[in-house]
Amino acid sequence: KAMTLHYEDLVARPEATVRSVCAFLGIDYAPELLTPANR
């Protein structure tokens, strides 16, 4: 039930990293997740 990710991976591969977090959480990926300041 635990996922470890590295901030440096988020920086290097934002979409792939966010997709892996979404998969772990059981939610759908949305491109808006890469623009958090817009919400």
Full PDB file with SEQRES, HELIX, SHEET, SSBOND, CRYST1, ORIGX, SCALE, CONECT and MASTER records, all heavy atoms in Angstrom:
SEQRES   1 A   39  LYS ALA MET THR LEU HIS TYR GLU ASP LEU VAL ALA ARG          
SEQRES   2 A   39  PRO GLU ALA THR VAL ARG SER VAL CYS ALA PHE LEU GLY          
SEQRES   3 A   39  ILE ASP TYR ALA PRO GLU LEU LEU THR PRO ALA ASN ARG          
HELIX    1 AA1 TYR A    7  ALA A   12  1                                   6    
HELIX    2 AA2 PRO A   14  LEU A   25  1                                  12    
HELIX    3 AA3 PRO A   31  LEU A   34  5                                   4    
HELIX    4 AA4 PRO A   36  ASN A   38  5                                   3    
CRYST1    1.000    1.000    1.000  90.00  90.00  90.00 P 1           1          
ORIGX1      1.000000  0.000000  0.000000        0.00000                         
ORIGX2      0.000000  1.000000  0.000000        0.00000                         
ORIGX3      0.000000  0.000000  1.000000        0.00000                         
SCALE1      1.000000  0.000000  0.000000        0.00000                         
SCALE2      0.000000  1.000000  0.000000        0.00000                         
SCALE3      0.000000  0.000000  1.000000        0.00000                         
ATOM      1  N   LYS A   1       0.817  -1.218   0.000  1.00  0.00           N  
ATOM      2  CA  LYS A   1       0.000   0.000   0.000  1.00  0.00           C  
ATOM      3  C   LYS A   1       0.850   1.267   0.000  1.00  0.00           C  
ATOM      4  O   LYS A   1       0.336   2.365   0.104  1.00  0.00           O  
ATOM      5  CB  LYS A   1      -0.924   0.027   1.222  1.00  0.00           C  
ATOM      6  CG  LYS A   1      -1.994  -1.035   1.177  1.00  0.00           C  
ATOM      7  CD  LYS A   1      -2.912  -1.103   2.376  1.00  0.00           C  
ATOM      8  CE  LYS A   1      -2.858  -0.028   3.371  1.00  0.00           C  
ATOM      9  NZ  LYS A   1      -3.870  -0.086   4.399  1.00  0.00           N  
ATOM     10  N   ALA A   2       2.170   1.118  -0.111  1.00  0.00           N  
ATOM     11  CA  ALA A   2       3.070   2.268  -0.084  1.00  0.00           C  
ATOM     12  C   ALA A   2       3.827   2.364  -1.400  1.00  0.00           C  
ATOM     13  O   ALA A   2       4.289   1.363  -1.934  1.00  0.00           O  
ATOM     14  CB  ALA A   2       4.059   2.137   1.069  1.00  0.00           C  
ATOM     15  N   MET A   3       3.908   3.591  -1.904  1.00  0.00           N  
ATOM     16  CA  MET A   3       4.652   3.862  -3.133  1.00  0.00           C  
ATOM     17  C   MET A   3       5.712   4.906  -2.810  1.00  0.00           C  
ATOM     18  O   MET A   3       5.422   5.901  -2.159  1.00  0.00           O  
ATOM     19  CB  MET A   3       3.712   4.412  -4.205  1.00  0.00           C  
ATOM     20  CG  MET A   3       4.409   4.880  -5.448  1.00  0.00           C  
ATOM     21  SD  MET A   3       3.250   5.706  -6.547  1.00  0.00           S  
ATOM     22  CE  MET A   3       4.173   5.635  -8.056  1.00  0.00           C  
ATOM     23  N   THR A   4       6.935   4.658  -3.253  1.00  0.00           N  
ATOM     24  CA  THR A   4       8.011   5.623  -3.055  1.00  0.00           C  
ATOM     25  C   THR A   4       8.377   6.206  -4.404  1.00  0.00           C  
ATOM     26  O   THR A   4       8.558   5.470  -5.380  1.00  0.00           O  
ATOM     27  CB  THR A   4       9.246   4.949  -2.436  1.00  0.00           C  
ATOM     28  OG1 THR A   4       8.874   4.357  -1.193  1.00  0.00           O  
ATOM     29  CG2 THR A   4      10.354   5.958  -2.200  1.00  0.00           C  
ATOM     30  N   LEU A   5       8.450   7.521  -4.465  1.00  0.00           N  
ATOM     31  CA  LEU A   5       8.916   8.155  -5.686  1.00  0.00           C  
ATOM     32  C   LEU A   5       9.910   9.243  -5.329  1.00  0.00           C  
ATOM     33  O   LEU A   5       9.916   9.756  -4.217  1.00  0.00           O  
ATOM     34  CB  LEU A   5       7.763   8.690  -6.530  1.00  0.00           C  
ATOM     35  CG  LEU A   5       6.866   9.770  -5.946  1.00  0.00           C  
ATOM     36  CD1 LEU A   5       7.278  11.133  -6.494  1.00  0.00           C  
ATOM     37  CD2 LEU A   5       5.428   9.492  -6.328  1.00  0.00           C  
ATOM     38  N   HIS A   6      10.757   9.546  -6.285  1.00  0.00           N  
ATOM     39  CA  HIS A   6      11.800  10.542  -6.070  1.00  0.00           C  
ATOM     40  C   HIS A   6      11.438  11.833  -6.801  1.00  0.00           C  
ATOM     41  O   HIS A   6      11.014  11.790  -7.950  1.00  0.00           O  
ATOM     42  CB  HIS A   6      13.155  10.008  -6.546  1.00  0.00           C  
ATOM     43  CG  HIS A   6      13.638   8.868  -5.727  1.00  0.00           C  
ATOM     44  ND1 HIS A   6      14.462   9.041  -4.633  1.00  0.00           N  
ATOM     45  CD2 HIS A   6      13.402   7.539  -5.805  1.00  0.00           C  
ATOM     46  CE1 HIS A   6      14.712   7.876  -4.084  1.00  0.00           C  
ATOM     47  NE2 HIS A   6      14.077   6.950  -4.772  1.00  0.00           N  
ATOM     48  N   TYR A   7      11.621  12.947  -6.105  1.00  0.00           N  
ATOM     49  CA  TYR A   7      11.321  14.251  -6.685  1.00  0.00           C  
ATOM     50  C   TYR A   7      12.069  14.442  -8.005  1.00  0.00           C  
ATOM     51  O   TYR A   7      11.527  14.998  -8.963  1.00  0.00           O  
ATOM     52  CB  TYR A   7      11.694  15.361  -5.693  1.00  0.00           C  
ATOM     53  CG  TYR A   7      11.433  16.729  -6.254  1.00  0.00           C  
ATOM     54  CD1 TYR A   7      10.133  17.213  -6.376  1.00  0.00           C  
ATOM     55  CD2 TYR A   7      12.489  17.537  -6.677  1.00  0.00           C  
ATOM     56  CE1 TYR A   7       9.891  18.461  -6.910  1.00  0.00           C  
ATOM     57  CE2 TYR A   7      12.250  18.793  -7.207  1.00  0.00           C  
ATOM     58  CZ  TYR A   7      10.951  19.255  -7.329  1.00  0.00           C  
ATOM     59  OH  TYR A   7      10.715  20.481  -7.870  1.00  0.00           O  
ATOM     60  N   GLU A   8      13.281  13.956  -8.075  1.00  0.00           N  
ATOM     61  CA  GLU A   8      14.085  14.116  -9.286  1.00  0.00           C  
ATOM     62  C   GLU A   8      13.462  13.399 -10.480  1.00  0.00           C  
ATOM     63  O   GLU A   8      13.595  13.850 -11.617  1.00  0.00           O  
ATOM     64  CB  GLU A   8      15.511  13.618  -9.035  1.00  0.00           C  
ATOM     65  CG  GLU A   8      16.275  14.447  -8.017  1.00  0.00           C  
ATOM     66  CD  GLU A   8      15.920  14.154  -6.558  1.00  0.00           C  
ATOM     67  OE1 GLU A   8      15.207  13.154  -6.283  1.00  0.00           O  
ATOM     68  OE2 GLU A   8      16.359  14.927  -5.690  1.00  0.00           O  
ATOM     69  N   ASP A   9      12.742  12.286 -10.245  1.00  0.00           N  
ATOM     70  CA  ASP A   9      12.031  11.607 -11.323  1.00  0.00           C  
ATOM     71  C   ASP A   9      10.844  12.433 -11.786  1.00  0.00           C  
ATOM     72  O   ASP A   9      10.538  12.476 -12.980  1.00  0.00           O  
ATOM     73  CB  ASP A   9      11.547  10.224 -10.864  1.00  0.00           C  
ATOM     74  CG  ASP A   9      12.695   9.270 -10.607  1.00  0.00           C  
ATOM     75  OD1 ASP A   9      13.806   9.500 -11.144  1.00  0.00           O  
ATOM     76  OD2 ASP A   9      12.492   8.297  -9.853  1.00  0.00           O  
ATOM     77  N   LEU A  10      10.177  13.069 -10.838  1.00  0.00           N  
ATOM     78  CA  LEU A  10       9.065  13.955 -11.198  1.00  0.00           C  
ATOM     79  C   LEU A  10       9.554  15.086 -12.093  1.00  0.00           C  
ATOM     80  O   LEU A  10       8.908  15.447 -13.076  1.00  0.00           O  
ATOM     81  CB  LEU A  10       8.397  14.519  -9.940  1.00  0.00           C  
ATOM     82  CG  LEU A  10       7.272  15.523 -10.160  1.00  0.00           C  
ATOM     83  CD1 LEU A  10       6.095  14.878 -10.879  1.00  0.00           C  
ATOM     84  CD2 LEU A  10       6.824  16.113  -8.827  1.00  0.00           C  
ATOM     85  N   VAL A  11      10.711  15.649 -11.763  1.00  0.00           N  
ATOM     86  CA  VAL A  11      11.281  16.735 -12.561  1.00  0.00           C  
ATOM     87  C   VAL A  11      11.682  16.239 -13.948  1.00  0.00           C  
ATOM     88  O   VAL A  11      11.399  16.882 -14.960  1.00  0.00           O  
ATOM     89  CB  VAL A  11      12.495  17.366 -11.843  1.00  0.00           C  
ATOM     90  CG1 VAL A  11      13.238  18.330 -12.747  1.00  0.00           C  
ATOM     91  CG2 VAL A  11      12.036  18.076 -10.572  1.00  0.00           C  
ATOM     92  N   ALA A  12      12.340  15.088 -13.999  1.00  0.00           N  
ATOM     93  CA  ALA A  12      12.855  14.561 -15.266  1.00  0.00           C  
ATOM     94  C   ALA A  12      11.754  14.018 -16.170  1.00  0.00           C  
ATOM     95  O   ALA A  12      11.806  14.188 -17.397  1.00  0.00           O  
ATOM     96  CB  ALA A  12      13.889  13.468 -14.994  1.00  0.00           C  
ATOM     97  N   ARG A  13      10.758  13.373 -15.566  1.00  0.00           N  
ATOM     98  CA  ARG A  13       9.685  12.741 -16.340  1.00  0.00           C  
ATOM     99  C   ARG A  13       8.332  13.001 -15.670  1.00  0.00           C  
ATOM    100  O   ARG A  13       7.731  12.079 -15.100  1.00  0.00           O  
ATOM    101  CB  ARG A  13       9.950  11.236 -16.446  1.00  0.00           C  
ATOM    102  CG  ARG A  13      11.218  10.878 -17.199  1.00  0.00           C  
ATOM    103  CD  ARG A  13      11.530   9.400 -17.199  1.00  0.00           C  
ATOM    104  NE  ARG A  13      11.699   8.813 -15.882  1.00  0.00           N  
ATOM    105  CZ  ARG A  13      12.775   8.965 -15.112  1.00  0.00           C  
ATOM    106  NH1 ARG A  13      13.780   9.687 -15.529  1.00  0.00           N  
ATOM    107  NH2 ARG A  13      12.852   8.405 -13.924  1.00  0.00           N  
ATOM    108  N   PRO A  14       7.870  14.241 -15.720  1.00  0.00           N  
ATOM    109  CA  PRO A  14       6.648  14.577 -14.969  1.00  0.00           C  
ATOM    110  C   PRO A  14       5.433  13.725 -15.346  1.00  0.00           C  
ATOM    111  O   PRO A  14       4.759  13.194 -14.470  1.00  0.00           O  
ATOM    112  CB  PRO A  14       6.407  16.049 -15.275  1.00  0.00           C  
ATOM    113  CG  PRO A  14       7.550  16.530 -16.064  1.00  0.00           C  
ATOM    114  CD  PRO A  14       8.427  15.383 -16.414  1.00  0.00           C  
ATOM    115  N   GLU A  15       5.167  13.592 -16.626  1.00  0.00           N  
ATOM    116  CA  GLU A  15       3.961  12.865 -17.011  1.00  0.00           C  
ATOM    117  C   GLU A  15       4.036  11.403 -16.607  1.00  0.00           C  
ATOM    118  O   GLU A  15       3.087  10.862 -16.022  1.00  0.00           O  
ATOM    119  CB  GLU A  15       3.700  12.973 -18.512  1.00  0.00           C  
ATOM    120  CG  GLU A  15       2.401  12.278 -18.897  1.00  0.00           C  
ATOM    121  CD  GLU A  15       2.022  12.440 -20.351  1.00  0.00           C  
ATOM    122  OE1 GLU A  15       2.414  13.443 -20.980  1.00  0.00           O  
ATOM    123  OE2 GLU A  15       1.304  11.550 -20.859  1.00  0.00           O  
ATOM    124  N   ALA A  16       5.141  10.745 -16.890  1.00  0.00           N  
ATOM    125  CA  ALA A  16       5.272   9.326 -16.535  1.00  0.00           C  
ATOM    126  C   ALA A  16       5.161   9.126 -15.026  1.00  0.00           C  
ATOM    127  O   ALA A  16       4.514   8.179 -14.561  1.00  0.00           O  
ATOM    128  CB  ALA A  16       6.601   8.782 -17.053  1.00  0.00           C  
ATOM    129  N   THR A  17       5.768  10.032 -14.253  1.00  0.00           N  
ATOM    130  CA  THR A  17       5.728   9.899 -12.797  1.00  0.00           C  
ATOM    131  C   THR A  17       4.320  10.122 -12.266  1.00  0.00           C  
ATOM    132  O   THR A  17       3.833   9.351 -11.432  1.00  0.00           O  
ATOM    133  CB  THR A  17       6.714  10.893 -12.147  1.00  0.00           C  
ATOM    134  OG1 THR A  17       8.017  10.664 -12.686  1.00  0.00           O  
ATOM    135  CG2 THR A  17       6.742  10.726 -10.634  1.00  0.00           C  
ATOM    136  N   VAL A  18       3.644  11.144 -12.770  1.00  0.00           N  
ATOM    137  CA  VAL A  18       2.274  11.421 -12.324  1.00  0.00           C  
ATOM    138  C   VAL A  18       1.346  10.287 -12.752  1.00  0.00           C  
ATOM    139  O   VAL A  18       0.456   9.883 -11.991  1.00  0.00           O  
ATOM    140  CB  VAL A  18       1.788  12.795 -12.836  1.00  0.00           C  
ATOM    141  CG1 VAL A  18       0.307  12.986 -12.552  1.00  0.00           C  
ATOM    142  CG2 VAL A  18       2.611  13.910 -12.194  1.00  0.00           C  
ATOM    143  N   ARG A  19       1.554   9.743 -13.925  1.00  0.00           N  
ATOM    144  CA  ARG A  19       0.735   8.592 -14.361  1.00  0.00           C  
ATOM    145  C   ARG A  19       0.911   7.406 -13.406  1.00  0.00           C  
ATOM    146  O   ARG A  19      -0.059   6.716 -13.078  1.00  0.00           O  
ATOM    147  CB  ARG A  19       1.097   8.174 -15.785  1.00  0.00           C  
ATOM    148  CG  ARG A  19       0.495   9.051 -16.861  1.00  0.00           C  
ATOM    149  CD  ARG A  19       0.825   8.517 -18.270  1.00  0.00           C  
ATOM    150  NE  ARG A  19       0.284   9.362 -19.297  1.00  0.00           N  
ATOM    151  CZ  ARG A  19      -0.957   9.290 -19.761  1.00  0.00           C  
ATOM    152  NH1 ARG A  19      -1.789   8.381 -19.268  1.00  0.00           N  
ATOM    153  NH2 ARG A  19      -1.374  10.108 -20.702  1.00  0.00           N  
ATOM    154  N   SER A  20       2.136   7.169 -12.965  1.00  0.00           N  
ATOM    155  CA  SER A  20       2.362   6.036 -12.058  1.00  0.00           C  
ATOM    156  C   SER A  20       1.681   6.274 -10.710  1.00  0.00           C  
ATOM    157  O   SER A  20       1.144   5.338 -10.114  1.00  0.00           O  
ATOM    158  CB  SER A  20       3.857   5.763 -11.881  1.00  0.00           C  
ATOM    159  OG  SER A  20       4.484   6.803 -11.161  1.00  0.00           O  
ATOM    160  N   VAL A  21       1.670   7.520 -10.239  1.00  0.00           N  
ATOM    161  CA  VAL A  21       0.977   7.838  -8.981  1.00  0.00           C  
ATOM    162  C   VAL A  21      -0.531   7.641  -9.164  1.00  0.00           C  
ATOM    163  O   VAL A  21      -1.204   7.067  -8.296  1.00  0.00           O  
ATOM    164  CB  VAL A  21       1.305   9.263  -8.509  1.00  0.00           C  
ATOM    165  CG1 VAL A  21       0.447   9.648  -7.307  1.00  0.00           C  
ATOM    166  CG2 VAL A  21       2.783   9.396  -8.168  1.00  0.00           C  
ATOM    167  N   CYS A  22      -1.067   8.105 -10.282  1.00  0.00           N  
ATOM    168  CA  CYS A  22      -2.505   7.932 -10.548  1.00  0.00           C  
ATOM    169  C   CYS A  22      -2.880   6.455 -10.577  1.00  0.00           C  
ATOM    170  O   CYS A  22      -3.896   6.056 -10.001  1.00  0.00           O  
ATOM    171  CB  CYS A  22      -2.882   8.597 -11.875  1.00  0.00           C  
ATOM    172  SG  CYS A  22      -2.862  10.392 -11.836  1.00  0.00           S  
ATOM    173  N   ALA A  23      -2.056   5.651 -11.237  1.00  0.00           N  
ATOM    174  CA  ALA A  23      -2.329   4.206 -11.298  1.00  0.00           C  
ATOM    175  C   ALA A  23      -2.333   3.608  -9.898  1.00  0.00           C  
ATOM    176  O   ALA A  23      -3.201   2.805  -9.553  1.00  0.00           O  
ATOM    177  CB  ALA A  23      -1.300   3.512 -12.189  1.00  0.00           C  
ATOM    178  N   PHE A  24      -1.375   4.006  -9.085  1.00  0.00           N  
ATOM    179  CA  PHE A  24      -1.292   3.506  -7.714  1.00  0.00           C  
ATOM    180  C   PHE A  24      -2.527   3.900  -6.910  1.00  0.00           C  
ATOM    181  O   PHE A  24      -3.061   3.104  -6.141  1.00  0.00           O  
ATOM    182  CB  PHE A  24      -0.028   4.047  -7.051  1.00  0.00           C  
ATOM    183  CG  PHE A  24       0.083   3.714  -5.589  1.00  0.00           C  
ATOM    184  CD1 PHE A  24       0.433   2.436  -5.180  1.00  0.00           C  
ATOM    185  CD2 PHE A  24      -0.158   4.671  -4.624  1.00  0.00           C  
ATOM    186  CE1 PHE A  24       0.537   2.129  -3.832  1.00  0.00           C  
ATOM    187  CE2 PHE A  24      -0.061   4.376  -3.277  1.00  0.00           C  
ATOM    188  CZ  PHE A  24       0.283   3.098  -2.876  1.00  0.00           C  
ATOM    189  N   LEU A  25      -2.993   5.148  -7.093  1.00  0.00           N  
ATOM    190  CA  LEU A  25      -4.146   5.648  -6.346  1.00  0.00           C  
ATOM    191  C   LEU A  25      -5.485   5.174  -6.909  1.00  0.00           C  
ATOM    192  O   LEU A  25      -6.521   5.361  -6.285  1.00  0.00           O  
ATOM    193  CB  LEU A  25      -4.135   7.181  -6.310  1.00  0.00           C  
ATOM    194  CG  LEU A  25      -2.966   7.832  -5.582  1.00  0.00           C  
ATOM    195  CD1 LEU A  25      -3.011   9.343  -5.754  1.00  0.00           C  
ATOM    196  CD2 LEU A  25      -2.980   7.462  -4.108  1.00  0.00           C  
ATOM    197  N   GLY A  26      -5.457   4.599  -8.105  1.00  0.00           N  
ATOM    198  CA  GLY A  26      -6.700   4.129  -8.721  1.00  0.00           C  
ATOM    199  C   GLY A  26      -7.536   5.245  -9.298  1.00  0.00           C  
ATOM    200  O   GLY A  26      -8.769   5.165  -9.316  1.00  0.00           O  
ATOM    201  N   ILE A  27      -6.883   6.297  -9.760  1.00  0.00           N  
ATOM    202  CA  ILE A  27      -7.605   7.407 -10.401  1.00  0.00           C  
ATOM    203  C   ILE A  27      -7.082   7.575 -11.823  1.00  0.00           C  
ATOM    204  O   ILE A  27      -5.978   7.130 -12.157  1.00  0.00           O  
ATOM    205  CB  ILE A  27      -7.466   8.729  -9.617  1.00  0.00           C  
ATOM    206  CG1 ILE A  27      -5.993   9.169  -9.523  1.00  0.00           C  
ATOM    207  CG2 ILE A  27      -8.083   8.598  -8.234  1.00  0.00           C  
ATOM    208  CD1 ILE A  27      -5.810  10.541  -8.880  1.00  0.00           C  
ATOM    209  N   ASP A  28      -7.883   8.220 -12.652  1.00  0.00           N  
ATOM    210  CA  ASP A  28      -7.489   8.445 -14.034  1.00  0.00           C  
ATOM    211  C   ASP A  28      -6.489   9.587 -14.129  1.00  0.00           C  
ATOM    212  O   ASP A  28      -6.607  10.593 -13.413  1.00  0.00           O  
ATOM    213  CB  ASP A  28      -8.716   8.785 -14.896  1.00  0.00           C  
ATOM    214  CG  ASP A  28      -9.686   7.626 -15.006  1.00  0.00           C  
ATOM    215  OD1 ASP A  28      -9.227   6.464 -14.982  1.00  0.00           O  
ATOM    216  OD2 ASP A  28     -10.904   7.877 -15.117  1.00  0.00           O  
ATOM    217  N   TYR A  29      -5.532   9.427 -15.021  1.00  0.00           N  
ATOM    218  CA  TYR A  29      -4.587  10.508 -15.295  1.00  0.00           C  
ATOM    219  C   TYR A  29      -5.311  11.591 -16.101  1.00  0.00           C  
ATOM    220  O   TYR A  29      -6.131  11.301 -16.965  1.00  0.00           O  
ATOM    221  CB  TYR A  29      -3.387   9.978 -16.088  1.00  0.00           C  
ATOM    222  CG  TYR A  29      -2.527  11.090 -16.640  1.00  0.00           C  
ATOM    223  CD1 TYR A  29      -1.607  11.736 -15.825  1.00  0.00           C  
ATOM    224  CD2 TYR A  29      -2.667  11.517 -17.950  1.00  0.00           C  
ATOM    225  CE1 TYR A  29      -0.839  12.786 -16.309  1.00  0.00           C  
ATOM    226  CE2 TYR A  29      -1.899  12.558 -18.438  1.00  0.00           C  
ATOM    227  CZ  TYR A  29      -0.992  13.193 -17.619  1.00  0.00           C  
ATOM    228  OH  TYR A  29      -0.248  14.229 -18.096  1.00  0.00           O  
ATOM    229  N   ALA A  30      -4.990  12.837 -15.802  1.00  0.00           N  
ATOM    230  CA  ALA A  30      -5.503  13.968 -16.574  1.00  0.00           C  
ATOM    231  C   ALA A  30      -4.344  14.936 -16.800  1.00  0.00           C  
ATOM    232  O   ALA A  30      -3.573  15.202 -15.875  1.00  0.00           O  
ATOM    233  CB  ALA A  30      -6.634  14.668 -15.819  1.00  0.00           C  
ATOM    234  N   PRO A  31      -4.202  15.478 -18.001  1.00  0.00           N  
ATOM    235  CA  PRO A  31      -3.102  16.404 -18.287  1.00  0.00           C  
ATOM    236  C   PRO A  31      -3.058  17.605 -17.334  1.00  0.00           C  
ATOM    237  O   PRO A  31      -1.992  18.147 -17.064  1.00  0.00           O  
ATOM    238  CB  PRO A  31      -3.369  16.863 -19.724  1.00  0.00           C  
ATOM    239  CG  PRO A  31      -4.199  15.781 -20.325  1.00  0.00           C  
ATOM    240  CD  PRO A  31      -5.024  15.221 -19.189  1.00  0.00           C  
ATOM    241  N   GLU A  32      -4.215  17.994 -16.778  1.00  0.00           N  
ATOM    242  CA  GLU A  32      -4.258  19.133 -15.852  1.00  0.00           C  
ATOM    243  C   GLU A  32      -3.433  18.899 -14.594  1.00  0.00           C  
ATOM    244  O   GLU A  32      -3.081  19.842 -13.883  1.00  0.00           O  
ATOM    245  CB  GLU A  32      -5.705  19.443 -15.429  1.00  0.00           C  
ATOM    246  CG  GLU A  32      -6.655  19.748 -16.576  1.00  0.00           C  
ATOM    247  CD  GLU A  32      -7.221  18.489 -17.224  1.00  0.00           C  
ATOM    248  OE1 GLU A  32      -7.783  17.617 -16.526  1.00  0.00           O  
ATOM    249  OE2 GLU A  32      -7.081  18.376 -18.452  1.00  0.00           O  
ATOM    250  N   LEU A  33      -3.128  17.645 -14.297  1.00  0.00           N  
ATOM    251  CA  LEU A  33      -2.318  17.346 -13.120  1.00  0.00           C  
ATOM    252  C   LEU A  33      -0.899  17.895 -13.251  1.00  0.00           C  
ATOM    253  O   LEU A  33      -0.200  18.056 -12.251  1.00  0.00           O  
ATOM    254  CB  LEU A  33      -2.278  15.837 -12.868  1.00  0.00           C  
ATOM    255  CG  LEU A  33      -3.609  15.210 -12.439  1.00  0.00           C  
ATOM    256  CD1 LEU A  33      -3.512  13.695 -12.458  1.00  0.00           C  
ATOM    257  CD2 LEU A  33      -4.016  15.709 -11.072  1.00  0.00           C  
ATOM    258  N   LEU A  34      -0.474  18.184 -14.471  1.00  0.00           N  
ATOM    259  CA  LEU A  34       0.858  18.741 -14.690  1.00  0.00           C  
ATOM    260  C   LEU A  34       0.866  20.261 -14.626  1.00  0.00           C  
ATOM    261  O   LEU A  34       1.920  20.883 -14.788  1.00  0.00           O  
ATOM    262  CB  LEU A  34       1.409  18.272 -16.042  1.00  0.00           C  
ATOM    263  CG  LEU A  34       1.622  16.765 -16.173  1.00  0.00           C  
ATOM    264  CD1 LEU A  34       2.157  16.424 -17.547  1.00  0.00           C  
ATOM    265  CD2 LEU A  34       2.558  16.251 -15.094  1.00  0.00           C  
ATOM    266  N   THR A  35      -0.294  20.851 -14.388  1.00  0.00           N  
ATOM    267  CA  THR A  35      -0.375  22.316 -14.260  1.00  0.00           C  
ATOM    268  C   THR A  35      -1.130  22.666 -12.973  1.00  0.00           C  
ATOM    269  O   THR A  35      -2.213  23.265 -13.007  1.00  0.00           O  
ATOM    270  CB  THR A  35      -1.082  22.935 -15.491  1.00  0.00           C  
ATOM    271  OG1 THR A  35      -2.352  22.292 -15.678  1.00  0.00           O  
ATOM    272  CG2 THR A  35      -0.226  22.802 -16.746  1.00  0.00           C  
ATOM    273  N   PRO A  36      -0.560  22.311 -11.818  1.00  0.00           N  
ATOM    274  CA  PRO A  36      -1.278  22.499 -10.551  1.00  0.00           C  
ATOM    275  C   PRO A  36      -1.582  23.962 -10.215  1.00  0.00           C  
ATOM    276  O   PRO A  36      -2.550  24.240  -9.523  1.00  0.00           O  
ATOM    277  CB  PRO A  36      -0.330  21.881  -9.516  1.00  0.00           C  
ATOM    278  CG  PRO A  36       1.012  21.908 -10.159  1.00  0.00           C  
ATOM    279  CD  PRO A  36       0.776  21.746 -11.629  1.00  0.00           C  
ATOM    280  N   ALA A  37      -0.793  24.892 -10.715  1.00  0.00           N  
ATOM    281  CA  ALA A  37      -1.023  26.307 -10.397  1.00  0.00           C  
ATOM    282  C   ALA A  37      -2.265  26.857 -11.092  1.00  0.00           C  
ATOM    283  O   ALA A  37      -2.750  27.935 -10.741  1.00  0.00           O  
ATOM    284  CB  ALA A  37       0.197  27.147 -10.774  1.00  0.00           C  
ATOM    285  N   ASN A  38      -2.800  26.116 -12.047  1.00  0.00           N  
ATOM    286  CA  ASN A  38      -3.994  26.580 -12.763  1.00  0.00           C  
ATOM    287  C   ASN A  38      -5.280  26.282 -12.012  1.00  0.00           C  
ATOM    288  O   ASN A  38      -6.353  26.665 -12.466  1.00  0.00           O  
ATOM    289  CB  ASN A  38      -4.067  25.929 -14.146  1.00  0.00           C  
ATOM    290  CG  ASN A  38      -2.947  26.373 -15.058  1.00  0.00           C  
ATOM    291  OD1 ASN A  38      -2.147  27.233 -14.694  1.00  0.00           O  
ATOM    292  ND2 ASN A  38      -2.878  25.801 -16.241  1.00  0.00           N  
ATOM    293  N   ARG A  39      -5.177  25.579 -10.892  1.00  0.00           N  
ATOM    294  CA  ARG A  39      -6.370  25.222 -10.118  1.00  0.00           C  
ATOM    295  C   ARG A  39      -6.243  25.734  -8.706  1.00  0.00           C  
ATOM    296  O   ARG A  39      -5.156  25.920  -8.188  1.00  0.00           O  
ATOM    297  CB  ARG A  39      -6.533  23.702 -10.075  1.00  0.00           C  
ATOM    298  CG  ARG A  39      -6.750  23.111 -11.455  1.00  0.00           C  
ATOM    299  CD  ARG A  39      -7.171  21.689 -11.387  1.00  0.00           C  
ATOM    300  NE  ARG A  39      -8.413  21.568 -10.643  1.00  0.00           N  
ATOM    301  CZ  ARG A  39      -8.963  20.423 -10.333  1.00  0.00           C  
ATOM    302  NH1 ARG A  39      -8.400  19.307 -10.670  1.00  0.00           N  
ATOM    303  NH2 ARG A  39     -10.081  20.374  -9.659  1.00  0.00           N  
TER     304      ARG A  39                                                      
MASTER        0    0    0    4    0    0    0    6  303    1    0    3          
END                                                                             
